[in-house]
PDB file of N, CA and C in Angstrom:
ATOM      1  N   MET A   1       0.842  -1.442  -0.117  1.00  0.00           N
ATOM      2  CA  MET A   1      -0.058   0.080   0.154  1.00  0.00           C
ATOM      3  C   MET A   1       0.651   1.593   0.325  1.00  0.00           C
ATOM      4  N   THR A   2       0.883   1.915  -1.185  1.00  0.00           N
ATOM      5  CA  THR A   2       1.533   3.213  -0.957  1.00  0.00           C
ATOM      6  C   THR A   2       0.518   4.562  -0.102  1.00  0.00           C
ATOM      7  N   ALA A   3       1.633   4.949   0.335  1.00  0.00           N
ATOM      8  CA  ALA A   3       0.985   6.709   1.059  1.00  0.00           C
ATOM      9  C   ALA A   3       0.510   7.476   0.467  1.00  0.00           C
ATOM     10  N   ARG A   4      -0.616   8.082   0.602  1.00  0.00           N
ATOM     11  CA  ARG A   4      -1.043   8.740  -0.110  1.00  0.00           C
ATOM     12  C   ARG A   4      -0.423  10.309   0.210  1.00  0.00           C
ATOM     13  N   PRO A   5       0.083  10.983  -0.917  1.00  0.00           N
ATOM     14  CA  PRO A   5       0.291  12.554  -0.501  1.00  0.00           C
ATOM     15  C   PRO A   5      -0.437  13.514   0.070  1.00  0.00           C
ATOM     16  N   ALA A   6       0.058  14.035   1.146  1.00  0.00           N
ATOM     17  CA  ALA A   6      -0.501  15.207   2.280  1.00  0.00           C
ATOM     18  C   ALA A   6      -1.374  15.793   1.108  1.00  0.00           C
ATOM     19  N   LEU A   7      -2.476  17.060   1.380  1.00  0.00           N
ATOM     20  CA  LEU A   7      -3.006  18.062   0.805  1.00  0.00           C
ATOM     21  C   LEU A   7      -2.723  18.951   1.697  1.00  0.00           C
ATOM     22  N   SER A   8      -2.082  20.136   0.705  1.00  0.00           N
ATOM     23  CA  SER A   8      -1.975  20.860   1.169  1.00  0.00           C
ATOM     24  C   SER A   8      -3.232  22.358   0.906  1.00  0.00           C
ATOM     25  N   ILE A   9      -3.489  22.875   1.920  1.00  0.00           N
ATOM     26  CA  ILE A   9      -4.976  23.425   2.031  1.00  0.00           C
ATOM     27  C   ILE A   9      -4.742  24.829   2.283  1.00  0.00           C
ATOM     28  N   PRO A  10      -4.580  25.860   1.189  1.00  0.00           N
ATOM     29  CA  PRO A  10      -4.323  27.214   2.078  1.00  0.00           C
ATOM     30  C   PRO A  10      -5.169  27.872   2.769  1.00  0.00           C
ATOM     31  N   SER A  11      -4.295  28.506   3.336  1.00  0.00           N
ATOM     32  CA  SER A  11      -4.786  29.358   4.326  1.00  0.00           C
ATOM     33  C   SER A  11      -5.859  30.351   3.994  1.00  0.00           C
ATOM     34  N   ALA A  12      -6.965  30.556   4.639  1.00  0.00           N
ATOM     35  CA  ALA A  12      -7.894  31.898   3.989  1.00  0.00           C
ATOM     36  C   ALA A  12      -7.258  33.141   3.726  1.00  0.00           C
ATOM     37  N   GLY A  13      -6.630  33.584   4.227  1.00  0.00           N
ATOM     38  CA  GLY A  13      -5.477  34.827   4.043  1.00  0.00           C
ATOM     39  C   GLY A  13      -5.154  34.616   2.334  1.00  0.00           C
ATOM     40  N   ALA A  14      -4.536  33.051   2.448  1.00  0.00           N
ATOM     41  CA  ALA A  14      -3.964  32.690   1.022  1.00  0.00           C
ATOM     42  C   ALA A  14      -5.254  32.854  -0.067  1.00  0.00           C
ATOM     43  N   GLN A  15      -6.351  32.092   0.191  1.00  0.00           N
ATOM     44  CA  GLN A  15      -7.381  32.055  -0.411  1.00  0.00           C
ATOM     45  C   GLN A  15      -7.977  33.273  -0.929  1.00  0.00           C
ATOM     46  N   CYS A  16      -8.027  34.247  -0.206  1.00  0.00           N
ATOM     47  CA  CYS A  16      -8.581  35.631  -0.587  1.00  0.00           C
ATOM     48  C   CYS A  16      -7.797  36.591  -1.154  1.00  0.00           C
ATOM     49  N   ARG A  17      -6.631  36.468  -1.289  1.00  0.00           N
ATOM     50  CA  ARG A  17      -5.437  36.951  -1.981  1.00  0.00           C
ATOM     51  C   ARG A  17      -5.705  36.520  -3.316  1.00  0.00           C
ATOM     52  N   GLN A  18      -5.739  35.275  -3.595  1.00  0.00           N
ATOM     53  CA  GLN A  18      -5.865  34.618  -4.495  1.00  0.00           C
ATOM     54  C   GLN A  18      -6.876  34.862  -5.277  1.00  0.00           C
ATOM     55  N   HIS A  19      -8.299  34.944  -5.016  1.00  0.00           N
ATOM     56  CA  HIS A  19      -9.463  35.223  -5.402  1.00  0.00           C
ATOM     57  C   HIS A  19      -9.372  36.630  -5.721  1.00  0.00           C
ATOM     58  N   ILE A  20      -8.631  37.752  -5.045  1.00  0.00           N
ATOM     59  CA  ILE A  20      -8.759  38.792  -5.471  1.00  0.00           C
ATOM     60  C   ILE A  20      -7.466  39.312  -6.632  1.00  0.00           C
ATOM     61  N   ALA A  21      -6.642  38.665  -6.551  1.00  0.00           N
ATOM     62  CA  ALA A  21      -5.776  38.853  -8.100  1.00  0.00           C
ATOM     63  C   ALA A  21      -6.492  37.900  -9.445  1.00  0.00           C
ATOM     64  N   GLU A  22      -7.581  36.876  -9.069  1.00  0.00           N
ATOM     65  CA  GLU A  22      -7.550  36.343  -9.947  1.00  0.00           C
ATOM     66  C   GLU A  22      -9.405  37.790 -10.671  1.00  0.00           C
ATOM     67  N   LEU A  23      -9.686  38.165  -9.350  1.00  0.00           N
ATOM     68  CA  LEU A  23     -10.827  39.336  -9.685  1.00  0.00           C
ATOM     69  C   LEU A  23     -10.183  40.354 -10.348  1.00  0.00           C
ATOM     70  N   ALA A  24      -8.668  40.842 -10.293  1.00  0.00           N
ATOM     71  CA  ALA A  24      -7.890  41.915 -10.893  1.00  0.00           C
ATOM     72  C   ALA A  24      -8.201  41.354 -11.882  1.00  0.00           C
ATOM     73  N   GLY A  25      -7.826  40.209 -12.462  1.00  0.00           N
ATOM     74  CA  GLY A  25      -7.681  40.015 -14.333  1.00  0.00           C
ATOM     75  C   GLY A  25      -8.779  40.634 -14.662  1.00  0.00           C
ATOM     76  N   VAL A  26      -9.757  39.641 -14.289  1.00  0.00           N
ATOM     77  CA  VAL A  26     -11.128  39.773 -14.964  1.00  0.00           C
ATOM     78  C   VAL A  26     -11.827  41.073 -14.886  1.00  0.00           C
ATOM     79  N   ILE A  27     -10.921  42.177 -13.830  1.00  0.00           N
ATOM     80  CA  ILE A  27     -11.163  43.439 -14.560  1.00  0.00           C
ATOM     81  C   ILE A  27     -10.606  44.175 -14.816  1.00  0.00           C
ATOM     82  N   GLY A  28      -9.376  44.110 -15.140  1.00  0.00           N
ATOM     83  CA  GLY A  28      -8.494  44.676 -16.158  1.00  0.00           C
ATOM     84  C   GLY A  28      -9.183  44.257 -17.439  1.00  0.00           C
ATOM     85  N   ALA A  29      -9.750  42.793 -17.557  1.00  0.00           N
ATOM     86  CA  ALA A  29     -10.373  42.199 -19.300  1.00  0.00           C
ATOM     87  C   ALA A  29     -11.433  43.184 -19.158  1.00  0.00           C
ATOM     88  N   SER A  30     -12.280  43.350 -18.417  1.00  0.00           N
ATOM     89  CA  SER A  30     -13.336  44.496 -18.669  1.00  0.00           C
ATOM     90  C   SER A  30     -13.005  45.625 -18.850  1.00  0.00           C
ATOM     91  N   ALA A  31     -12.119  46.476 -17.871  1.00  0.00           N
ATOM     92  CA  ALA A  31     -11.617  47.519 -18.710  1.00  0.00           C
ATOM     93  C   ALA A  31     -11.227  47.934 -20.550  1.00  0.00           C
ATOM     94  N   GLU A  32     -10.970  47.005 -20.661  1.00  0.00           N
ATOM     95  CA  GLU A  32     -10.584  46.699 -21.926  1.00  0.00           C
ATOM     96  C   GLU A  32     -11.613  46.461 -22.630  1.00  0.00           C
ATOM     97  N   ILE A  33     -12.477  45.656 -22.118  1.00  0.00           N
ATOM     98  CA  ILE A  33     -14.178  45.562 -23.325  1.00  0.00           C
ATOM     99  C   ILE A  33     -14.516  46.709 -23.411  1.00  0.00           C
ATOM    100  N   ILE A  34     -14.730  47.545 -21.813  1.00  0.00           N
ATOM    101  CA  ILE A  34     -15.453  48.749 -21.564  1.00  0.00           C
ATOM    102  C   ILE A  34     -14.776  49.875 -22.764  1.00  0.00           C
ATOM    103  N   ALA A  35     -13.525  50.014 -22.913  1.00  0.00           N
ATOM    104  CA  ALA A  35     -13.246  51.084 -24.135  1.00  0.00           C
ATOM    105  C   ALA A  35     -13.318  50.425 -25.005  1.00  0.00           C
ATOM    106  N   ARG A  36     -13.468  49.296 -25.483  1.00  0.00           N
ATOM    107  CA  ARG A  36     -13.862  49.138 -26.716  1.00  0.00           C
ATOM    108  C   ARG A  36     -15.492  49.587 -27.420  1.00  0.00           C
ATOM    109  N   TYR A  37     -16.166  49.063 -26.634  1.00  0.00           N
ATOM    110  CA  TYR A  37     -17.285  49.652 -26.635  1.00  0.00           C
ATOM    111  C   TYR A  37     -18.083  51.164 -26.510  1.00  0.00           C
ATOM    112  N   ALA A  38     -16.636  51.605 -25.675  1.00  0.00           N
ATOM    113  CA  ALA A  38     -17.024  53.114 -26.168  1.00  0.00           C
ATOM    114  C   ALA A  38     -16.329  53.628 -27.340  1.00  0.00           C
ATOM    115  N   GLU A  39     -15.330  53.457 -28.086  1.00  0.00           N
ATOM    116  CA  GLU A  39     -14.798  53.660 -28.922  1.00  0.00           C
ATOM    117  C   GLU A  39     -15.806  52.963 -30.268  1.00  0.00           C
ATOM    118  N   LEU A  40     -16.605  52.199 -29.615  1.00  0.00           N
ATOM    119  CA  LEU A  40     -17.629  52.000 -30.874  1.00  0.00           C
ATOM    120  C   LEU A  40     -18.835  52.134 -30.606  1.00  0.00           C
ATOM    121  N   GLY A  41     -19.006  53.167 -29.772  1.00  0.00           N
ATOM    122  CA  GLY A  41     -20.375  54.226 -29.895  1.00  0.00           C
ATOM    123  C   GLY A  41     -21.588  52.702 -29.158  1.00  0.00           C
ATOM    124  N   ASP A  42     -20.799  51.796 -28.538  1.00  0.00           N
ATOM    125  CA  ASP A  42     -21.599  50.543 -28.584  1.00  0.00           C
ATOM    126  C   ASP A  42     -22.191  51.053 -27.162  1.00  0.00           C
ATOM    127  N   ASP A  43     -23.760  51.536 -26.660  1.00  0.00           N
ATOM    128  CA  ASP A  43     -24.127  52.145 -25.395  1.00  0.00           C
ATOM    129  C   ASP A  43     -24.889  50.790 -24.296  1.00  0.00           C
ATOM    130  N   VAL A  44     -25.229  50.495 -25.213  1.00  0.00           N
ATOM    131  CA  VAL A  44     -25.686  49.030 -24.325  1.00  0.00           C
ATOM    132  C   VAL A  44     -24.453  47.710 -24.155  1.00  0.00           C
ATOM    133  N   GLY A  45     -23.882  47.678 -24.805  1.00  0.00           N
ATOM    134  CA  GLY A  45     -22.324  46.830 -24.183  1.00  0.00           C
ATOM    135  C   GLY A  45     -21.662  47.744 -23.132  1.00  0.00           C
ATOM    136  N   LEU A  46     -21.696  48.985 -23.612  1.00  0.00           N
ATOM    137  CA  LEU A  46     -20.776  49.919 -22.785  1.00  0.00           C
ATOM    138  C   LEU A  46     -21.626  49.703 -21.192  1.00  0.00           C
ATOM    139  N   GLU A  47     -23.004  49.652 -20.768  1.00  0.00           N
ATOM    140  CA  GLU A  47     -23.562  49.967 -19.819  1.00  0.00           C
ATOM    141  C   GLU A  47     -23.456  48.227 -19.421  1.00  0.00           C
ATOM    142  N   TYR A  48     -23.454  47.314 -20.195  1.00  0.00           N
ATOM    143  CA  TYR A  48     -23.598  45.995 -19.484  1.00  0.00           C
ATOM    144  C   TYR A  48     -22.192  45.857 -18.913  1.00  0.00           C
ATOM    145  N   GLN A  49     -21.126  46.048 -19.647  1.00  0.00           N
ATOM    146  CA  GLN A  49     -20.071  46.228 -18.965  1.00  0.00           C
ATOM    147  C   GLN A  49     -19.574  46.571 -18.052  1.00  0.00           C
ATOM    148  N   LEU A  50     -19.958  48.257 -18.152  1.00  0.00           N
ATOM    149  CA  LEU A  50     -19.530  48.918 -16.786  1.00  0.00           C
ATOM    150  C   LEU A  50     -20.350  48.113 -15.461  1.00  0.00           C
ATOM    151  N   ARG A  51     -21.616  47.720 -15.556  1.00  0.00           N
ATOM    152  CA  ARG A  51     -22.307  46.867 -14.545  1.00  0.00           C
ATOM    153  C   ARG A  51     -21.611  45.510 -14.002  1.00  0.00           C
ATOM    154  N   ARG A  52     -21.157  44.992 -14.905  1.00  0.00           N
ATOM    155  CA  ARG A  52     -19.929  44.164 -14.585  1.00  0.00           C
ATOM    156  C   ARG A  52     -19.264  44.294 -13.763  1.00  0.00           C
ATOM    157  N   LEU A  53     -18.730  44.961 -14.325  1.00  0.00           N
ATOM    158  CA  LEU A  53     -16.810  45.500 -13.488  1.00  0.00           C
ATOM    159  C   LEU A  53     -17.186  46.157 -11.998  1.00  0.00           C
ATOM    160  N   ILE A  54     -18.159  46.968 -12.029  1.00  0.00           N
ATOM    161  CA  ILE A  54     -18.716  47.080 -11.047  1.00  0.00           C
ATOM    162  C   ILE A  54     -18.948  45.969 -10.277  1.00  0.00           C
ATOM    163  N   LEU A  55     -19.711  45.303 -10.378  1.00  0.00           N
ATOM    164  CA  LEU A  55     -19.741  43.962  -9.755  1.00  0.00           C
ATOM    165  C   LEU A  55     -18.144  43.473  -9.039  1.00  0.00           C
ATOM    166  N   HIS A  56     -17.717  43.176  -9.486  1.00  0.00           N
ATOM    167  CA  HIS A  56     -16.834  42.901  -9.842  1.00  0.00           C
ATOM    168  C   HIS A  56     -15.265  43.600  -8.699  1.00  0.00           C
ATOM    169  N   VAL A  57     -15.649  44.693  -8.646  1.00  0.00           N
ATOM    170  CA  VAL A  57     -14.970  45.527  -7.832  1.00  0.00           C
ATOM    171  C   VAL A  57     -15.569  45.487  -6.223  1.00  0.00           C
ATOM    172  N   ARG A  58     -16.867  45.225  -6.441  1.00  0.00           N
ATOM    173  CA  ARG A  58     -17.517  44.885  -5.179  1.00  0.00           C
ATOM    174  C   ARG A  58     -17.189  43.634  -4.744  1.00  0.00           C
ATOM    175  N   ALA A  59     -17.393  42.632  -5.705  1.00  0.00           N
ATOM    176  CA  ALA A  59     -16.560  41.385  -4.853  1.00  0.00           C
ATOM    177  C   ALA A  59     -14.936  41.232  -3.982  1.00  0.00           C
ATOM    178  N   ALA A  60     -14.297  42.058  -4.979  1.00  0.00           N
ATOM    179  CA  ALA A  60     -12.640  42.117  -4.360  1.00  0.00           C
ATOM    180  C   ALA A  60     -12.834  42.989  -3.412  1.00  0.00           C
ATOM    181  N   THR A  61     -13.521  43.692  -3.178  1.00  0.00           N
ATOM    182  CA  THR A  61     -13.747  44.474  -1.968  1.00  0.00           C
ATOM    183  C   THR A  61     -13.965  44.207  -0.713  1.00  0.00           C
ATOM    184  N   GLN A  62     -14.944  43.724  -0.817  1.00  0.00           N
ATOM    185  CA  GLN A  62     -15.777  42.515  -0.053  1.00  0.00           C
ATOM    186  C   GLN A  62     -14.759  41.184   0.326  1.00  0.00           C
ATOM    187  N   THR A  63     -13.896  40.737  -0.423  1.00  0.00           N
ATOM    188  CA  THR A  63     -13.179  39.991  -0.416  1.00  0.00           C
ATOM    189  C   THR A  63     -11.991  40.410   0.536  1.00  0.00           C
ATOM    190  N   PHE A  64     -11.121  41.401   0.165  1.00  0.00           N
ATOM    191  CA  PHE A  64     -10.307  42.043   0.982  1.00  0.00           C
ATOM    192  C   PHE A  64     -10.468  42.092   2.202  1.00  0.00           C
ATOM    193  N   LYS A  65     -11.894  42.741   2.547  1.00  0.00           N
ATOM    194  CA  LYS A  65     -12.542  43.300   4.044  1.00  0.00           C
ATOM    195  C   LYS A  65     -12.478  41.917   4.332  1.00  0.00           C
ATOM    196  N   ASP A  66     -12.879  40.305   3.874  1.00  0.00           N
ATOM    197  CA  ASP A  66     -12.776  39.437   4.552  1.00  0.00           C
ATOM    198  C   ASP A  66     -11.338  39.157   5.040  1.00  0.00           C
ATOM    199  N   LEU A  67     -10.541  39.402   4.382  1.00  0.00           N
ATOM    200  CA  LEU A  67      -8.735  39.385   4.478  1.00  0.00           C
ATOM    201  C   LEU A  67      -8.779  40.025   5.708  1.00  0.00           C
ATOM    202  N   ALA A  68      -8.814  41.241   5.820  1.00  0.00           N
ATOM    203  CA  ALA A  68      -8.650  41.707   7.000  1.00  0.00           C
ATOM    204  C   ALA A  68      -9.248  41.409   7.605  1.00  0.00           C
ATOM    205  N   GLU A  69     -10.505  40.670   8.475  1.00  0.00           N
ATOM    206  CA  GLU A  69     -10.630  40.076   9.204  1.00  0.00           C
ATOM    207  C   GLU A  69     -10.067  39.174   9.622  1.00  0.00           C
ATOM    208  N   PHE A  70     -10.257  38.283   8.940  1.00  0.00           N
ATOM    209  CA  PHE A  70      -8.633  36.953   9.029  1.00  0.00           C
ATOM    210  C   PHE A  70      -7.549  37.568   9.708  1.00  0.00           C
ATOM    211  N   GLU A  71      -6.910  38.541   9.101  1.00  0.00           N
ATOM    212  CA  GLU A  71      -5.617  38.674   9.461  1.00  0.00           C
ATOM    213  C   GLU A  71      -5.680  39.110  10.902  1.00  0.00           C
ATOM    214  N   ASN A  72      -7.037  40.298  11.016  1.00  0.00           N
ATOM    215  CA  ASN A  72      -6.719  40.768  12.536  1.00  0.00           C
ATOM    216  C   ASN A  72      -7.207  39.696  13.581  1.00  0.00           C
ATOM    217  N   ALA A  73      -7.946  38.688  12.675  1.00  0.00           N
ATOM    218  CA  ALA A  73      -7.967  37.226  14.209  1.00  0.00           C
ATOM    219  C   ALA A  73      -6.870  36.843  14.756  1.00  0.00           C
ATOM    220  N   ARG A  74      -6.043  36.564  13.379  1.00  0.00           N
ATOM    221  CA  ARG A  74      -4.479  35.883  13.331  1.00  0.00           C
ATOM    222  C   ARG A  74      -3.567  36.879  14.657  1.00  0.00           C
ATOM    223  N   ARG A  75      -3.575  37.800  14.294  1.00  0.00           N
ATOM    224  CA  ARG A  75      -3.042  38.708  15.349  1.00  0.00           C
ATOM    225  C   ARG A  75      -3.560  38.802  16.282  1.00  0.00           C
ATOM    226  N   ALA A  76      -4.630  38.690  16.783  1.00  0.00           N
ATOM    227  CA  ALA A  76      -5.071  38.978  18.282  1.00  0.00           C
ATOM    228  C   ALA A  76      -4.976  37.558  18.803  1.00  0.00           C
ATOM    229  N   GLU A  77      -5.011  36.485  17.923  1.00  0.00           N
ATOM    230  CA  GLU A  77      -4.660  35.179  18.362  1.00  0.00           C
ATOM    231  C   GLU A  77      -3.035  34.977  18.917  1.00  0.00           C
ATOM    232  N   SER A  78      -2.376  35.482  17.785  1.00  0.00           N
ATOM    233  CA  SER A  78      -0.626  35.522  18.146  1.00  0.00           C
ATOM    234  C   SER A  78      -0.308  36.412  19.028  1.00  0.00           C
ATOM    235  N   GLU A  79      -1.044  37.431  19.563  1.00  0.00           N
ATOM    236  CA  GLU A  79      -0.691  38.295  20.615  1.00  0.00           C
ATOM    237  C   GLU A  79      -1.366  37.477  21.852  1.00  0.00           C
ATOM    238  N   ALA A  80      -2.042  37.121  22.119  1.00  0.00           N
ATOM    239  CA  ALA A  80      -2.816  36.557  22.753  1.00  0.00           C
ATOM    240  C   ALA A  80      -2.065  35.037  23.922  1.00  0.00           C
ATOM    241  N   ALA A  81      -1.367  34.449  22.847  1.00  0.00           N
ATOM    242  CA  ALA A  81      -0.649  33.440  22.831  1.00  0.00           C
ATOM    243  C   ALA A  81       0.808  33.972  23.704  1.00  0.00           C
TER     244      ALA A  81
END
C-alpha cells in the first residue's frame, strides 16, 4: 500500500489573496472591453460591461474586507498566546 500525499490547503488569507488576484484579471479584461465599446459607440454593451465591472470591484472589495478580518483575528490570536 502506498502512502497518500498530504493535501495542502491554503490558508484563508491566501485564498482571499488568490481570489482578489483572479478578480483583478477579470477587472482588467472588463476595462479593455469597456474601452472598445466606448470607442464603437455601443452604449448597450458599455452599460452591461460597466455593471459587470462594478460587481467584480465590489466582490474584490468584500474579499479584501474578509482578508482583513482573518488577519486581524490571526494577529489577536498570536498576541494572546
